[in-house]
Amino acid sequence: MRQAPRRAAGAAARGACAARTALFVLFALVWLPAAACGGSRPHPGGVERDDAIVQVRSNVRDAQVYVDGRFIAPLDAVTAGIAVEPGFHRFELRRDDYFSSYLELELGRAERRKVRMELAPVLP
């Protein structure tokens, strides 16, 4: 039975060490410039103190929610509400086999509002 040379284990260890070093250097090159820039940190949860919160209810729980043309989430995933900056916003609910529903709101700073949006089924 032949034994592998001892230096093969050392070469593998050096290769693993080199990979860890390269990973550390890559992390440092990406993270350090970002940390040096400072800037404002996002508020935990992504919600700012001044954001308005809109709670949307509907007869179709799995409708898709869009705000200002951008998909947000399925309605049943945002039961606590949707945070938006103060101002004018267009809320839309979409679902296959239903007509879409639209609602335009002007929301103030830190405003909380509950709205109901109904979807009508498309007839065959």
Protein backbone atom coordinates (compact mmCIF):
# COMPACT_ATOMS: atom_id res chain seq x y z
CA MET A 1 0.00 0.00 0.00
CA ARG A 2 1.34 3.35 -1.03
CA GLN A 3 1.09 6.39 1.16
CA ALA A 4 0.51 9.83 -0.22
CA PRO A 5 3.41 12.19 0.24
CA ARG A 6 3.17 14.36 3.35
CA ARG A 7 3.60 17.55 1.44
CA ALA A 8 0.21 17.03 -0.30
CA ALA A 9 -1.57 17.69 3.00
CA GLY A 10 0.52 20.81 3.47
CA ALA A 11 -0.32 21.99 -0.04
CA ALA A 12 -4.03 21.50 0.63
CA ALA A 13 -3.74 23.50 3.84
CA ARG A 14 -1.87 26.27 2.03
CA GLY A 15 -4.56 26.29 -0.67
CA ALA A 16 -7.35 26.60 1.92
CA CYS A 17 -5.44 29.38 3.68
CA ALA A 18 -4.96 31.22 0.38
CA ALA A 19 -8.68 30.90 -0.36
CA ARG A 20 -9.58 32.32 3.08
CA THR A 21 -7.11 35.16 2.59
CA ALA A 22 -8.55 35.98 -0.84
CA LEU A 23 -12.06 35.95 0.59
CA PHE A 24 -11.01 38.28 3.42
CA VAL A 25 -9.33 40.69 0.99
CA LEU A 26 -12.42 40.71 -1.25
CA PHE A 27 -14.64 41.40 1.79
CA ALA A 28 -12.33 44.22 2.91
CA LEU A 29 -12.33 45.79 -0.56
CA VAL A 30 -16.12 45.81 -0.67
CA TRP A 31 -17.00 46.55 2.96
CA LEU A 32 -14.36 49.13 3.94
CA PRO A 33 -15.21 51.71 1.25
CA ALA A 34 -18.89 51.36 2.07
CA ALA A 35 -18.23 51.79 5.79
CA ALA A 36 -15.97 54.78 5.17
CA CYS A 37 -18.71 56.58 3.24
CA GLY A 38 -20.87 56.73 6.34
CA GLY A 39 -24.22 58.11 5.29
CA SER A 40 -27.52 57.44 6.91
CA ARG A 41 -28.49 53.97 7.96
CA PRO A 42 -31.94 52.73 7.07
CA HIS A 43 -34.32 52.56 9.99
CA PRO A 44 -34.83 49.00 11.29
CA GLY A 45 -37.55 47.35 9.27
CA GLY A 46 -37.14 49.92 6.49
CA VAL A 47 -39.81 52.22 7.94
CA GLU A 48 -38.98 55.83 8.77
CA ARG A 49 -40.70 57.83 11.51
CA ASP A 50 -42.30 60.18 8.96
CA ASP A 51 -43.64 57.41 6.71
CA ALA A 52 -47.38 57.03 6.29
CA ILE A 53 -48.81 53.55 6.90
CA VAL A 54 -51.75 52.32 4.83
CA GLN A 55 -53.63 49.17 5.78
CA VAL A 56 -55.49 47.74 2.78
CA ARG A 57 -58.38 45.32 3.15
CA SER A 58 -60.18 43.59 0.30
CA ASN A 59 -62.68 40.88 -0.55
CA VAL A 60 -59.82 39.04 -2.37
CA ARG A 61 -57.12 38.27 0.20
CA ASP A 62 -54.49 37.02 -2.24
CA ALA A 63 -54.66 40.04 -4.56
CA GLN A 64 -51.33 41.55 -5.62
CA VAL A 65 -50.59 45.03 -4.21
CA TYR A 66 -48.95 47.71 -6.36
CA VAL A 67 -48.02 51.20 -5.18
CA ASP A 68 -47.18 53.81 -7.82
CA GLY A 69 -46.89 51.04 -10.42
CA ARG A 70 -44.40 48.93 -8.41
CA PHE A 71 -45.27 45.48 -7.10
CA ILE A 72 -45.14 45.39 -3.30
CA ALA A 73 -46.42 41.98 -2.14
CA PRO A 74 -49.49 39.78 -1.98
CA LEU A 75 -52.15 41.48 0.13
CA ASP A 76 -52.17 38.71 2.74
CA ALA A 77 -48.43 39.33 3.33
CA VAL A 78 -48.84 43.01 4.27
CA THR A 79 -51.56 42.81 6.90
CA ALA A 80 -49.72 45.27 9.19
CA GLY A 81 -49.75 47.91 6.46
CA ILE A 82 -47.64 49.41 3.71
CA ALA A 83 -45.16 52.19 4.55
CA VAL A 84 -44.89 55.01 2.01
CA GLU A 85 -43.39 58.48 2.04
CA PRO A 86 -45.87 61.32 2.60
CA GLY A 87 -47.47 62.63 -0.60
CA PHE A 88 -49.68 61.37 -3.43
CA HIS A 89 -49.70 57.64 -4.11
CA ARG A 90 -51.69 55.29 -6.32
CA PHE A 91 -52.61 51.95 -4.76
CA GLU A 92 -53.71 49.12 -7.01
CA LEU A 93 -54.94 45.59 -6.38
CA ARG A 94 -54.67 43.00 -9.15
CA ARG A 95 -55.75 39.38 -9.38
CA ASP A 96 -56.43 37.02 -12.27
CA ASP A 97 -60.15 36.67 -13.02
CA TYR A 98 -60.92 40.02 -11.31
CA PHE A 99 -61.03 43.61 -12.49
CA SER A 100 -58.23 45.68 -10.95
CA SER A 101 -59.07 48.26 -8.31
CA TYR A 102 -57.33 51.64 -8.01
CA LEU A 103 -57.19 54.20 -5.23
CA GLU A 104 -55.28 57.49 -5.17
CA LEU A 105 -54.43 58.88 -1.76
CA GLU A 106 -52.72 61.98 -0.45
CA LEU A 107 -50.98 60.99 2.77
CA GLY A 108 -49.50 63.24 5.41
CA ARG A 109 -46.42 62.82 7.53
CA ALA A 110 -46.75 59.83 9.91
CA GLU A 111 -50.39 59.37 8.88
CA ARG A 112 -52.10 56.05 9.49
CA ARG A 113 -55.01 55.12 7.25
CA LYS A 114 -57.19 52.05 6.72
CA VAL A 115 -58.82 51.58 3.32
CA ARG A 116 -61.03 48.95 1.72
CA MET A 117 -60.67 48.08 -1.96
CA GLU A 118 -63.15 45.71 -3.61
CA LEU A 119 -62.37 43.58 -6.67
CA ALA A 120 -65.19 42.60 -9.01
CA PRO A 121 -64.97 39.19 -10.70
CA VAL A 122 -64.66 39.04 -14.48
CA LEU A 123 -67.64 37.24 -15.94
CA PRO A 124 -66.96 34.37 -18.38
